Amino acid sequence: MSQFSFEYPFFLLLILLFYICAKWCKERSRAIFFPHVGTLIAKTAKKNSLLAWLKWTGIVLAVVALASPVITKSYSNSKKEGRDIVLVIDSSDSMRQQGFDPNDIFKNKFDVVKEVVGDFIEKRKNDRIGMVTFADVAFIASPLTFEKEFLSNITKMQKLGMAGKRTAINDALVQAYNLLSKSKAKSKIVILLTDGVDNMSKIPFQDVKNMIEKRDIKLYAIGIGTAGRDYNGQYLQALAQAGKGAAYGARNAEALSQIYDEIDKLEASKLNDKKVIEHTYLYTYPLFLAVLSLLLFIYVRNQRGV
């Protein structure tokens, strides 16, 4: 945004002062010796109009230069620091359970999760997001990407039974951490969602916990359903604590949506917004023209012998 102004606008009042002086401070000494000087001035008015124009142009431009005209440009230099996020989604057979969404009791857990995760993806404008889906085995459904439309389509394409029926949470976390192993982002996050207890992983819990503790990756763990019956809350809490994150429990679709909203707020992209102001001083232009006008004034006056 550009704005024109004067750095010292009060100097513009000098123009009024010069005008008043020209109007009321005329030299009267000549009237003593030349009482008909008014008639002579009238006859030479046209002749001296150029001199008057040059004189006033020089005066006005000199005062304008003294007031220091300036163009001010202000703009924001915004630098957004995004995150690398891996979503780990349970697609085991237990996710077929219906009734998780009170507004649509025939919708199963997995369909609800896909909708909530899809909304979360849309909100993360400046982040790279990847996805790991797991059941009997864990596989990378999407690498880290900024392409939100691609990732949303991948989310919608996920089907129950693609990776089996049982639950391999530890193996899925290893896949997620491997996906972030080459990430250069300053902030790396894993969000685990499950409704079951690990009963299929090849990698022991303690080994996974040690891996999580050693890596600079924050872990959020979400259990859906009823703690103790559907998922092991203490197990998820231990994982989240190792990953310096937090563990959550969601008994219905609304609670799950609120959890993802909370994580979205906790892990908001950093915005370094610096306001830059640039001043362009223009006094040299009117000053140059003022000097030129006054030099021409002196030259013309000398040539005419005025």
C-alpha atoms as a PDB file:
ATOM      1  CA  MET A   1       0.000   0.000   0.000  1.00  0.00           C
ATOM      2  CA  SER A   2       1.457   3.368  -1.109  1.00  0.00           C
ATOM      3  CA  GLN A   3       0.686   6.711   0.512  1.00  0.00           C
ATOM      4  CA  PHE A   4       1.871  10.191  -0.449  1.00  0.00           C
ATOM      5  CA  SER A   5       2.515  12.733   2.320  1.00  0.00           C
ATOM      6  CA  PHE A   6       4.814  15.514   3.503  1.00  0.00           C
ATOM      7  CA  GLU A   7       7.307  14.816   6.252  1.00  0.00           C
ATOM      8  CA  TYR A   8       7.175  18.448   7.424  1.00  0.00           C
ATOM      9  CA  PRO A   9       3.803  19.732   6.165  1.00  0.00           C
ATOM     10  CA  PHE A  10       3.858  22.858   8.386  1.00  0.00           C
ATOM     11  CA  PHE A  11       6.523  24.342   6.075  1.00  0.00           C
ATOM     12  CA  LEU A  12       3.809  24.682   3.404  1.00  0.00           C
ATOM     13  CA  LEU A  13       2.466  27.632   5.384  1.00  0.00           C
ATOM     14  CA  LEU A  14       5.457  29.594   4.076  1.00  0.00           C
ATOM     15  CA  ILE A  15       3.672  29.800   0.717  1.00  0.00           C
ATOM     16  CA  LEU A  16       0.879  31.745   2.408  1.00  0.00           C
ATOM     17  CA  LEU A  17       3.462  33.938   4.110  1.00  0.00           C
ATOM     18  CA  PHE A  18       5.120  34.757   0.777  1.00  0.00           C
ATOM     19  CA  TYR A  19       1.729  35.532  -0.754  1.00  0.00           C
ATOM     20  CA  ILE A  20       0.754  37.886   2.078  1.00  0.00           C
ATOM     21  CA  CYS A  21       4.099  39.601   1.852  1.00  0.00           C
ATOM     22  CA  ALA A  22       3.769  40.023  -1.926  1.00  0.00           C
ATOM     23  CA  LYS A  23       0.305  41.477  -1.451  1.00  0.00           C
ATOM     24  CA  TRP A  24       0.878  43.824   1.477  1.00  0.00           C
ATOM     25  CA  CYS A  25       4.612  44.365   1.753  1.00  0.00           C
ATOM     26  CA  LYS A  26       5.189  46.210  -1.526  1.00  0.00           C
ATOM     27  CA  GLU A  27       8.021  48.721  -1.672  1.00  0.00           C
ATOM     28  CA  ARG A  28       6.594  52.259  -1.348  1.00  0.00           C
ATOM     29  CA  SER A  29       9.775  54.293  -1.659  1.00  0.00           C
ATOM     30  CA  ARG A  30       9.427  54.630  -5.431  1.00  0.00           C
ATOM     31  CA  ALA A  31       6.076  56.370  -5.098  1.00  0.00           C
ATOM     32  CA  ILE A  32       7.846  59.398  -3.601  1.00  0.00           C
ATOM     33  CA  PHE A  33       9.878  59.955  -6.729  1.00  0.00           C
ATOM     34  CA  PHE A  34       7.619  58.344  -9.349  1.00  0.00           C
ATOM     35  CA  PRO A  35       3.963  59.024  -8.546  1.00  0.00           C
ATOM     36  CA  HIS A  36       2.851  57.461 -11.859  1.00  0.00           C
ATOM     37  CA  VAL A  37       4.626  54.139 -11.269  1.00  0.00           C
ATOM     38  CA  GLY A  38       1.235  52.311 -11.340  1.00  0.00           C
ATOM     39  CA  THR A  39       0.678  53.324 -14.956  1.00  0.00           C
ATOM     40  CA  LEU A  40       4.159  52.161 -15.932  1.00  0.00           C
ATOM     41  CA  ILE A  41       3.638  48.778 -14.226  1.00  0.00           C
ATOM     42  CA  ALA A  42       0.325  48.284 -16.034  1.00  0.00           C
ATOM     43  CA  LYS A  43       1.970  48.854 -19.382  1.00  0.00           C
ATOM     44  CA  THR A  44       4.711  46.338 -18.649  1.00  0.00           C
ATOM     45  CA  ALA A  45       2.475  43.692 -17.003  1.00  0.00           C
ATOM     46  CA  LYS A  46       2.563  41.392 -19.997  1.00  0.00           C
ATOM     47  CA  LYS A  47       6.285  41.855 -20.304  1.00  0.00           C
ATOM     48  CA  ASN A  48       6.863  40.869 -16.660  1.00  0.00           C
ATOM     49  CA  SER A  49       4.327  38.002 -16.498  1.00  0.00           C
ATOM     50  CA  LEU A  50       7.045  35.458 -17.344  1.00  0.00           C
ATOM     51  CA  LEU A  51       9.231  36.810 -14.546  1.00  0.00           C
ATOM     52  CA  ALA A  52       6.358  36.540 -12.070  1.00  0.00           C
ATOM     53  CA  TRP A  53       5.595  33.001 -13.154  1.00  0.00           C
ATOM     54  CA  LEU A  54       9.266  31.947 -12.827  1.00  0.00           C
ATOM     55  CA  LYS A  55       9.575  33.656  -9.428  1.00  0.00           C
ATOM     56  CA  TRP A  56       6.476  32.054  -7.924  1.00  0.00           C
ATOM     57  CA  THR A  57       7.246  28.669  -9.440  1.00  0.00           C
ATOM     58  CA  GLY A  58      10.669  28.790  -7.800  1.00  0.00           C
ATOM     59  CA  ILE A  59       9.269  29.906  -4.447  1.00  0.00           C
ATOM     60  CA  VAL A  60       6.457  27.332  -4.339  1.00  0.00           C
ATOM     61  CA  LEU A  61       8.698  24.447  -5.431  1.00  0.00           C
ATOM     62  CA  ALA A  62      11.395  25.446  -2.940  1.00  0.00           C
ATOM     63  CA  VAL A  63       8.838  25.407  -0.119  1.00  0.00           C
ATOM     64  CA  VAL A  64       7.458  22.037  -1.326  1.00  0.00           C
ATOM     65  CA  ALA A  65      10.999  20.633  -1.270  1.00  0.00           C
ATOM     66  CA  LEU A  66      11.475  22.009   2.243  1.00  0.00           C
ATOM     67  CA  ALA A  67       8.278  20.219   3.349  1.00  0.00           C
ATOM     68  CA  SER A  68       9.907  16.976   2.138  1.00  0.00           C
ATOM     69  CA  PRO A  69       7.353  15.079   0.024  1.00  0.00           C
ATOM     70  CA  VAL A  70       7.575  11.340   0.579  1.00  0.00           C
ATOM     71  CA  ILE A  71       5.912   8.167  -0.661  1.00  0.00           C
ATOM     72  CA  THR A  72       5.440   5.578   2.085  1.00  0.00           C
ATOM     73  CA  LYS A  73       4.999   1.929   1.170  1.00  0.00           C
ATOM     74  CA  SER A  74       4.016  -0.579   3.816  1.00  0.00           C
ATOM     75  CA  TYR A  75       3.720  -4.305   3.331  1.00  0.00           C
ATOM     76  CA  SER A  76       3.849  -7.443   5.416  1.00  0.00           C
ATOM     77  CA  ASN A  77       6.596  -9.990   5.066  1.00  0.00           C
ATOM     78  CA  SER A  78       4.826 -13.141   6.252  1.00  0.00           C
ATOM     79  CA  LYS A  79       6.708 -16.381   6.672  1.00  0.00           C
ATOM     80  CA  LYS A  80       4.665 -19.411   7.585  1.00  0.00           C
ATOM     81  CA  GLU A  81       6.323 -22.395   9.159  1.00  0.00           C
ATOM     82  CA  GLY A  82       4.389 -25.545   8.321  1.00  0.00           C
ATOM     83  CA  ARG A  83       4.559 -28.964   9.925  1.00  0.00           C
ATOM     84  CA  ASP A  84       4.961 -32.509   8.691  1.00  0.00           C
ATOM     85  CA  ILE A  85       2.072 -34.615   9.969  1.00  0.00           C
ATOM     86  CA  VAL A  86       1.420 -38.329   9.588  1.00  0.00           C
ATOM     87  CA  LEU A  87      -2.105 -39.601  10.264  1.00  0.00           C
ATOM     88  CA  VAL A  88      -2.204 -43.213  11.449  1.00  0.00           C
ATOM     89  CA  ILE A  89      -5.672 -44.703  10.883  1.00  0.00           C
ATOM     90  CA  ASP A  90      -7.029 -47.989  12.222  1.00  0.00           C
ATOM     91  CA  SER A  91      -8.861 -49.972   9.513  1.00  0.00           C
ATOM     92  CA  SER A  92      -9.288 -53.192  11.468  1.00  0.00           C
ATOM     93  CA  ASP A  93     -12.555 -55.155  11.511  1.00  0.00           C
ATOM     94  CA  SER A  94     -13.721 -53.537  14.767  1.00  0.00           C
ATOM     95  CA  MET A  95     -14.101 -50.245  12.883  1.00  0.00           C
ATOM     96  CA  ARG A  96     -17.244 -51.692  11.265  1.00  0.00           C
ATOM     97  CA  GLN A  97     -19.168 -51.043  14.456  1.00  0.00           C
ATOM     98  CA  GLN A  98     -22.177 -48.783  13.946  1.00  0.00           C
ATOM     99  CA  GLY A  99     -23.810 -46.263  16.270  1.00  0.00           C
ATOM    100  CA  PHE A 100     -20.706 -44.127  16.817  1.00  0.00           C
ATOM    101  CA  ASP A 101     -22.493 -41.165  15.239  1.00  0.00           C
ATOM    102  CA  PRO A 102     -25.812 -40.460  17.053  1.00  0.00           C
ATOM    103  CA  ASN A 103     -27.040 -38.495  14.022  1.00  0.00           C
ATOM    104  CA  ASP A 104     -26.622 -41.529  11.755  1.00  0.00           C
ATOM    105  CA  ILE A 105     -26.614 -44.774  13.734  1.00  0.00           C
ATOM    106  CA  PHE A 106     -26.086 -46.849  10.578  1.00  0.00           C
ATOM    107  CA  LYS A 107     -22.773 -45.166   9.793  1.00  0.00           C
ATOM    108  CA  ASN A 108     -19.794 -47.211  10.985  1.00  0.00           C
ATOM    109  CA  LYS A 109     -16.781 -45.876  12.870  1.00  0.00           C
ATOM    110  CA  PHE A 110     -14.501 -45.972   9.867  1.00  0.00           C
ATOM    111  CA  ASP A 111     -16.781 -43.779   7.757  1.00  0.00           C
ATOM    112  CA  VAL A 112     -17.024 -41.254  10.593  1.00  0.00           C
ATOM    113  CA  VAL A 113     -13.248 -41.232  10.984  1.00  0.00           C
ATOM    114  CA  LYS A 114     -12.744 -40.612   7.257  1.00  0.00           C
ATOM    115  CA  GLU A 115     -15.068 -37.593   7.387  1.00  0.00           C
ATOM    116  CA  VAL A 116     -13.418 -36.089  10.465  1.00  0.00           C
ATOM    117  CA  VAL A 117      -9.908 -36.711   9.120  1.00  0.00           C
ATOM    118  CA  GLY A 118     -10.938 -35.179   5.788  1.00  0.00           C
ATOM    119  CA  ASP A 119     -12.013 -31.980   7.573  1.00  0.00           C
ATOM    120  CA  PHE A 120      -8.736 -31.911   9.486  1.00  0.00           C
ATOM    121  CA  ILE A 121      -6.740 -32.227   6.257  1.00  0.00           C
ATOM    122  CA  GLU A 122      -8.600 -29.308   4.676  1.00  0.00           C
ATOM    123  CA  LYS A 123      -7.703 -27.038   7.610  1.00  0.00           C
ATOM    124  CA  ARG A 124      -3.958 -27.690   7.425  1.00  0.00           C
ATOM    125  CA  LYS A 125      -3.153 -25.310   4.572  1.00  0.00           C
ATOM    126  CA  ASN A 126       0.599 -24.973   5.153  1.00  0.00           C
ATOM    127  CA  ASP A 127       1.499 -28.517   6.213  1.00  0.00           C
ATOM    128  CA  ARG A 128       2.689 -31.646   4.482  1.00  0.00           C
ATOM    129  CA  ILE A 129       0.503 -34.571   5.486  1.00  0.00           C
ATOM    130  CA  GLY A 130       0.996 -38.292   5.003  1.00  0.00           C
ATOM    131  CA  MET A 131      -1.137 -41.273   5.965  1.00  0.00           C
ATOM    132  CA  VAL A 132      -0.529 -44.765   7.321  1.00  0.00           C
ATOM    133  CA  THR A 133      -3.395 -47.266   7.416  1.00  0.00           C
ATOM    134  CA  PHE A 134      -3.149 -50.425   9.494  1.00  0.00           C
ATOM    135  CA  ALA A 135      -4.905 -53.623  10.519  1.00  0.00           C
ATOM    136  CA  ASP A 136      -3.011 -56.946  10.276  1.00  0.00           C
ATOM    137  CA  VAL A 137      -0.261 -55.008   8.525  1.00  0.00           C
ATOM    138  CA  ALA A 138       0.583 -51.314   8.255  1.00  0.00           C
ATOM    139  CA  PHE A 139       1.136 -49.614   4.920  1.00  0.00           C
ATOM    140  CA  ILE A 140       1.734 -46.093   3.683  1.00  0.00           C
ATOM    141  CA  ALA A 141      -1.499 -44.915   2.079  1.00  0.00           C
ATOM    142  CA  SER A 142       0.020 -41.553   1.138  1.00  0.00           C
ATOM    143  CA  PRO A 143       3.519 -40.053   1.384  1.00  0.00           C
ATOM    144  CA  LEU A 144       3.990 -36.606   2.838  1.00  0.00           C
ATOM    145  CA  THR A 145       2.375 -34.135   0.450  1.00  0.00           C
ATOM    146  CA  PHE A 146       1.044 -30.594   0.183  1.00  0.00           C
ATOM    147  CA  GLU A 147      -1.608 -31.790  -2.294  1.00  0.00           C
ATOM    148  CA  LYS A 148      -4.675 -31.676  -0.074  1.00  0.00           C
ATOM    149  CA  GLU A 149      -7.088 -32.700  -2.824  1.00  0.00           C
ATOM    150  CA  PHE A 150      -5.012 -35.801  -3.581  1.00  0.00           C
ATOM    151  CA  LEU A 151      -4.853 -36.678   0.109  1.00  0.00           C
ATOM    152  CA  SER A 152      -8.597 -36.138   0.569  1.00  0.00           C
ATOM    153  CA  ASN A 153      -9.265 -38.518  -2.317  1.00  0.00           C
ATOM    154  CA  ILE A 154      -6.898 -41.088  -0.807  1.00  0.00           C
ATOM    155  CA  THR A 155      -8.780 -40.801   2.492  1.00  0.00           C
ATOM    156  CA  LYS A 156     -12.123 -41.418   0.797  1.00  0.00           C
ATOM    157  CA  MET A 157     -10.709 -44.446  -1.025  1.00  0.00           C
ATOM    158  CA  GLN A 158      -9.689 -46.235   2.179  1.00  0.00           C
ATOM    159  CA  LYS A 159     -11.712 -49.421   2.742  1.00  0.00           C
ATOM    160  CA  LEU A 160     -12.124 -51.764   5.691  1.00  0.00           C
ATOM    161  CA  GLY A 161     -10.374 -55.075   5.205  1.00  0.00           C
ATOM    162  CA  MET A 162      -7.673 -53.696   2.886  1.00  0.00           C
ATOM    163  CA  ALA A 163      -5.003 -54.500   5.470  1.00  0.00           C
ATOM    164  CA  GLY A 164      -6.730 -57.371   7.248  1.00  0.00           C
ATOM    165  CA  LYS A 165      -8.966 -57.601  10.326  1.00  0.00           C
ATOM    166  CA  ARG A 166      -6.780 -57.437  13.388  1.00  0.00           C
ATOM    167  CA  THR A 167      -4.750 -54.591  14.971  1.00  0.00           C
ATOM    168  CA  ALA A 168      -1.020 -53.866  14.615  1.00  0.00           C
ATOM    169  CA  ILE A 169      -0.569 -50.484  16.283  1.00  0.00           C
ATOM    170  CA  ASN A 170       3.149 -50.823  17.048  1.00  0.00           C
ATOM    171  CA  ASP A 171       3.986 -51.721  13.441  1.00  0.00           C
ATOM    172  CA  ALA A 172       1.915 -48.770  12.211  1.00  0.00           C
ATOM    173  CA  LEU A 173       3.820 -46.348  14.437  1.00  0.00           C
ATOM    174  CA  VAL A 174       7.127 -47.643  13.118  1.00  0.00           C
ATOM    175  CA  GLN A 175       5.879 -46.991   9.575  1.00  0.00           C
ATOM    176  CA  ALA A 176       4.807 -43.469  10.543  1.00  0.00           C
ATOM    177  CA  TYR A 177       8.137 -42.654  12.176  1.00  0.00           C
ATOM    178  CA  ASN A 178      10.016 -44.062   9.190  1.00  0.00           C
ATOM    179  CA  LEU A 179       7.924 -41.818   6.946  1.00  0.00           C
ATOM    180  CA  LEU A 180       9.148 -38.818   8.952  1.00  0.00           C
ATOM    181  CA  SER A 181      12.761 -40.007   9.161  1.00  0.00           C
ATOM    182  CA  LYS A 182      13.919 -37.826   6.238  1.00  0.00           C
ATOM    183  CA  SER A 183      11.703 -34.871   7.088  1.00  0.00           C
ATOM    184  CA  LYS A 184      13.503 -31.540   7.476  1.00  0.00           C
ATOM    185  CA  ALA A 185      10.503 -29.783   9.025  1.00  0.00           C
ATOM    186  CA  LYS A 186      11.133 -28.131  12.384  1.00  0.00           C
ATOM    187  CA  SER A 187       7.938 -29.650  13.738  1.00  0.00           C
ATOM    188  CA  LYS A 188       6.939 -33.274  13.121  1.00  0.00           C
ATOM    189  CA  ILE A 189       3.730 -34.845  14.387  1.00  0.00           C
ATOM    190  CA  VAL A 190       2.090 -38.272  14.409  1.00  0.00           C
ATOM    191  CA  ILE A 191      -1.632 -38.596  15.151  1.00  0.00           C
ATOM    192  CA  LEU A 192      -2.659 -42.169  15.962  1.00  0.00           C
ATOM    193  CA  LEU A 193      -6.306 -43.226  15.908  1.00  0.00           C
ATOM    194  CA  THR A 194      -7.488 -46.671  16.971  1.00  0.00           C
ATOM    195  CA  ASP A 195     -10.462 -48.455  18.507  1.00  0.00           C
ATOM    196  CA  GLY A 196      -8.607 -51.618  19.447  1.00  0.00           C
ATOM    197  CA  VAL A 197      -5.806 -53.259  21.369  1.00  0.00           C
ATOM    198  CA  ASP A 198      -2.591 -54.266  19.639  1.00  0.00           C
ATOM    199  CA  ASN A 199      -2.824 -58.004  18.905  1.00  0.00           C
ATOM    200  CA  MET A 200      -0.873 -58.378  15.670  1.00  0.00           C
ATOM    201  CA  SER A 201       2.356 -56.364  15.787  1.00  0.00           C
ATOM    202  CA  LYS A 202       5.712 -58.003  15.214  1.00  0.00           C
ATOM    203  CA  ILE A 203       7.481 -55.223  17.109  1.00  0.00           C
ATOM    204  CA  PRO A 204       7.218 -55.244  20.932  1.00  0.00           C
ATOM    205  CA  PHE A 205       5.706 -52.311  22.781  1.00  0.00           C
ATOM    206  CA  GLN A 206       8.912 -51.475  24.679  1.00  0.00           C
ATOM    207  CA  ASP A 207      10.925 -51.221  21.454  1.00  0.00           C
ATOM    208  CA  VAL A 208       8.330 -48.878  19.963  1.00  0.00           C
ATOM    209  CA  LYS A 209       8.255 -46.775  23.117  1.00  0.00           C
ATOM    210  CA  ASN A 210      12.056 -46.466  23.110  1.00  0.00           C
ATOM    211  CA  MET A 211      11.973 -45.401  19.454  1.00  0.00           C
ATOM    212  CA  ILE A 212       9.349 -42.741  20.185  1.00  0.00           C
ATOM    213  CA  GLU A 213      11.313 -41.366  23.145  1.00  0.00           C
ATOM    214  CA  LYS A 214      14.472 -40.956  21.074  1.00  0.00           C
ATOM    215  CA  ARG A 215      12.829 -39.142  18.167  1.00  0.00           C
ATOM    216  CA  ASP A 216      11.910 -35.478  18.089  1.00  0.00           C
ATOM    217  CA  ILE A 217       8.385 -36.216  16.914  1.00  0.00           C
ATOM    218  CA  LYS A 218       5.284 -35.332  18.890  1.00  0.00           C
ATOM    219  CA  LEU A 219       2.685 -38.079  19.225  1.00  0.00           C
ATOM    220  CA  TYR A 220      -1.046 -37.671  19.788  1.00  0.00           C
ATOM    221  CA  ALA A 221      -3.007 -40.855  20.492  1.00  0.00           C
ATOM    222  CA  ILE A 222      -6.786 -41.079  20.111  1.00  0.00           C
ATOM    223  CA  GLY A 223      -8.893 -44.000  21.272  1.00  0.00           C
ATOM    224  CA  ILE A 224     -12.478 -44.194  20.014  1.00  0.00           C
ATOM    225  CA  GLY A 225     -15.248 -46.101  21.694  1.00  0.00           C
ATOM    226  CA  THR A 226     -15.185 -47.073  25.360  1.00  0.00           C
ATOM    227  CA  ALA A 227     -11.862 -47.123  27.215  1.00  0.00           C
ATOM    228  CA  GLY A 228     -11.065 -50.539  28.659  1.00  0.00           C
ATOM    229  CA  ARG A 229     -13.556 -52.319  26.437  1.00  0.00           C
ATOM    230  CA  ASP A 230     -12.671 -51.070  22.953  1.00  0.00           C
ATOM    231  CA  TYR A 231      -9.137 -49.744  23.483  1.00  0.00           C
ATOM    232  CA  ASN A 232      -6.431 -49.669  26.135  1.00  0.00           C
ATOM    233  CA  GLY A 233      -6.308 -46.137  27.522  1.00  0.00           C
ATOM    234  CA  GLN A 234      -3.167 -46.724  29.593  1.00  0.00           C
ATOM    235  CA  TYR A 235      -1.351 -48.067  26.541  1.00  0.00           C
ATOM    236  CA  LEU A 236      -2.243 -44.969  24.500  1.00  0.00           C
ATOM    237  CA  GLN A 237      -1.310 -42.712  27.404  1.00  0.00           C
ATOM    238  CA  ALA A 238       2.125 -44.347  27.641  1.00  0.00           C
ATOM    239  CA  LEU A 239       2.696 -43.859  23.922  1.00  0.00           C
ATOM    240  CA  ALA A 240       1.626 -40.196  24.023  1.00  0.00           C
ATOM    241  CA  GLN A 241       3.784 -39.521  27.073  1.00  0.00           C
ATOM    242  CA  ALA A 242       6.815 -41.037  25.322  1.00  0.00           C
ATOM    243  CA  GLY A 243       6.086 -38.798  22.334  1.00  0.00           C
ATOM    244  CA  LYS A 244       5.629 -35.655  24.482  1.00  0.00           C
ATOM    245  CA  GLY A 245       2.067 -35.338  23.219  1.00  0.00           C
ATOM    246  CA  ALA A 246      -1.352 -36.157  24.626  1.00  0.00           C
ATOM    247  CA  ALA A 247      -3.852 -39.018  24.701  1.00  0.00           C
ATOM    248  CA  TYR A 248      -7.584 -38.602  24.087  1.00  0.00           C
ATOM    249  CA  GLY A 249     -10.723 -40.689  24.247  1.00  0.00           C
ATOM    250  CA  ALA A 250     -13.767 -40.159  22.000  1.00  0.00           C
ATOM    251  CA  ARG A 251     -17.067 -41.928  22.750  1.00  0.00           C
ATOM    252  CA  ASN A 252     -18.872 -40.497  19.714  1.00  0.00           C
ATOM    253  CA  ALA A 253     -18.398 -38.643  16.434  1.00  0.00           C
ATOM    254  CA  GLU A 254     -18.829 -35.181  17.952  1.00  0.00           C
ATOM    255  CA  ALA A 255     -16.157 -35.819  20.582  1.00  0.00           C
ATOM    256  CA  LEU A 256     -13.789 -37.103  17.901  1.00  0.00           C
ATOM    257  CA  SER A 257     -14.300 -33.974  15.819  1.00  0.00           C
ATOM    258  CA  GLN A 258     -13.600 -31.810  18.878  1.00  0.00           C
ATOM    259  CA  ILE A 259     -10.359 -33.699  19.550  1.00  0.00           C
ATOM    260  CA  TYR A 260      -9.064 -33.071  16.030  1.00  0.00           C
ATOM    261  CA  ASP A 261     -10.069 -29.404  16.392  1.00  0.00           C
ATOM    262  CA  GLU A 262      -8.101 -29.191  19.623  1.00  0.00           C
ATOM    263  CA  ILE A 263      -5.028 -30.757  18.034  1.00  0.00           C
ATOM    264  CA  ASP A 264      -5.410 -28.359  15.117  1.00  0.00           C
ATOM    265  CA  LYS A 265      -5.288 -25.413  17.554  1.00  0.00           C
ATOM    266  CA  LEU A 266      -2.421 -26.864  19.592  1.00  0.00           C
ATOM    267  CA  GLU A 267      -0.338 -27.375  16.462  1.00  0.00           C
ATOM    268  CA  ALA A 268      -1.245 -24.185  14.603  1.00  0.00           C
ATOM    269  CA  SER A 269       1.291 -23.184  11.942  1.00  0.00           C
ATOM    270  CA  LYS A 270       3.672 -20.494  13.143  1.00  0.00           C
ATOM    271  CA  LEU A 271       3.321 -17.141  11.425  1.00  0.00           C
ATOM    272  CA  ASN A 272       6.234 -14.712  11.454  1.00  0.00           C
ATOM    273  CA  ASP A 273       4.559 -11.502  10.312  1.00  0.00           C
ATOM    274  CA  LYS A 274       6.897  -8.521   9.968  1.00  0.00           C
ATOM    275  CA  LYS A 275       5.587  -5.164   8.797  1.00  0.00           C
ATOM    276  CA  VAL A 276       8.059  -3.450   6.482  1.00  0.00           C
ATOM    277  CA  ILE A 277       7.809   0.303   5.812  1.00  0.00           C
ATOM    278  CA  GLU A 278       9.713   1.836   2.908  1.00  0.00           C
ATOM    279  CA  HIS A 279      10.119   5.621   2.477  1.00  0.00           C
ATOM    280  CA  THR A 280      10.913   7.183  -0.906  1.00  0.00           C
ATOM    281  CA  TYR A 281      11.908  10.849  -0.540  1.00  0.00           C
ATOM    282  CA  LEU A 282      10.971  13.106  -3.469  1.00  0.00           C
ATOM    283  CA  TYR A 283      12.347  16.503  -2.332  1.00  0.00           C
ATOM    284  CA  THR A 284      15.157  16.428  -4.925  1.00  0.00           C
ATOM    285  CA  TYR A 285      12.683  16.830  -7.809  1.00  0.00           C
ATOM    286  CA  PRO A 286      10.931  20.042  -6.661  1.00  0.00           C
ATOM    287  CA  LEU A 287      14.269  21.364  -5.377  1.00  0.00           C
ATOM    288  CA  PHE A 288      15.877  20.919  -8.774  1.00  0.00           C
ATOM    289  CA  LEU A 289      12.935  22.608 -10.541  1.00  0.00           C
ATOM    290  CA  ALA A 290      12.939  25.425  -7.970  1.00  0.00           C
ATOM    291  CA  VAL A 291      16.624  26.168  -8.548  1.00  0.00           C
ATOM    292  CA  LEU A 292      16.102  25.982 -12.320  1.00  0.00           C
ATOM    293  CA  SER A 293      13.120  28.380 -12.169  1.00  0.00           C
ATOM    294  CA  LEU A 294      14.976  30.911  -9.997  1.00  0.00           C
ATOM    295  CA  LEU A 295      18.063  30.781 -12.230  1.00  0.00           C
ATOM    296  CA  LEU A 296      15.862  31.420 -15.261  1.00  0.00           C
ATOM    297  CA  PHE A 297      14.182  34.251 -13.356  1.00  0.00           C
ATOM    298  CA  ILE A 298      17.549  35.908 -12.712  1.00  0.00           C
ATOM    299  CA  TYR A 299      18.686  35.348 -16.294  1.00  0.00           C
ATOM    300  CA  VAL A 300      15.508  36.775 -17.895  1.00  0.00           C
ATOM    301  CA  ARG A 301      15.467  39.749 -15.524  1.00  0.00           C
ATOM    302  CA  ASN A 302      19.081  40.578 -16.351  1.00  0.00           C
ATOM    303  CA  GLN A 303      18.421  40.208 -20.051  1.00  0.00           C
ATOM    304  CA  ARG A 304      15.521  42.644 -19.878  1.00  0.00           C
ATOM    305  CA  GLY A 305      17.351  44.974 -17.549  1.00  0.00           C
ATOM    306  CA  VAL A 306      14.524  44.962 -15.056  1.00  0.00           C
END
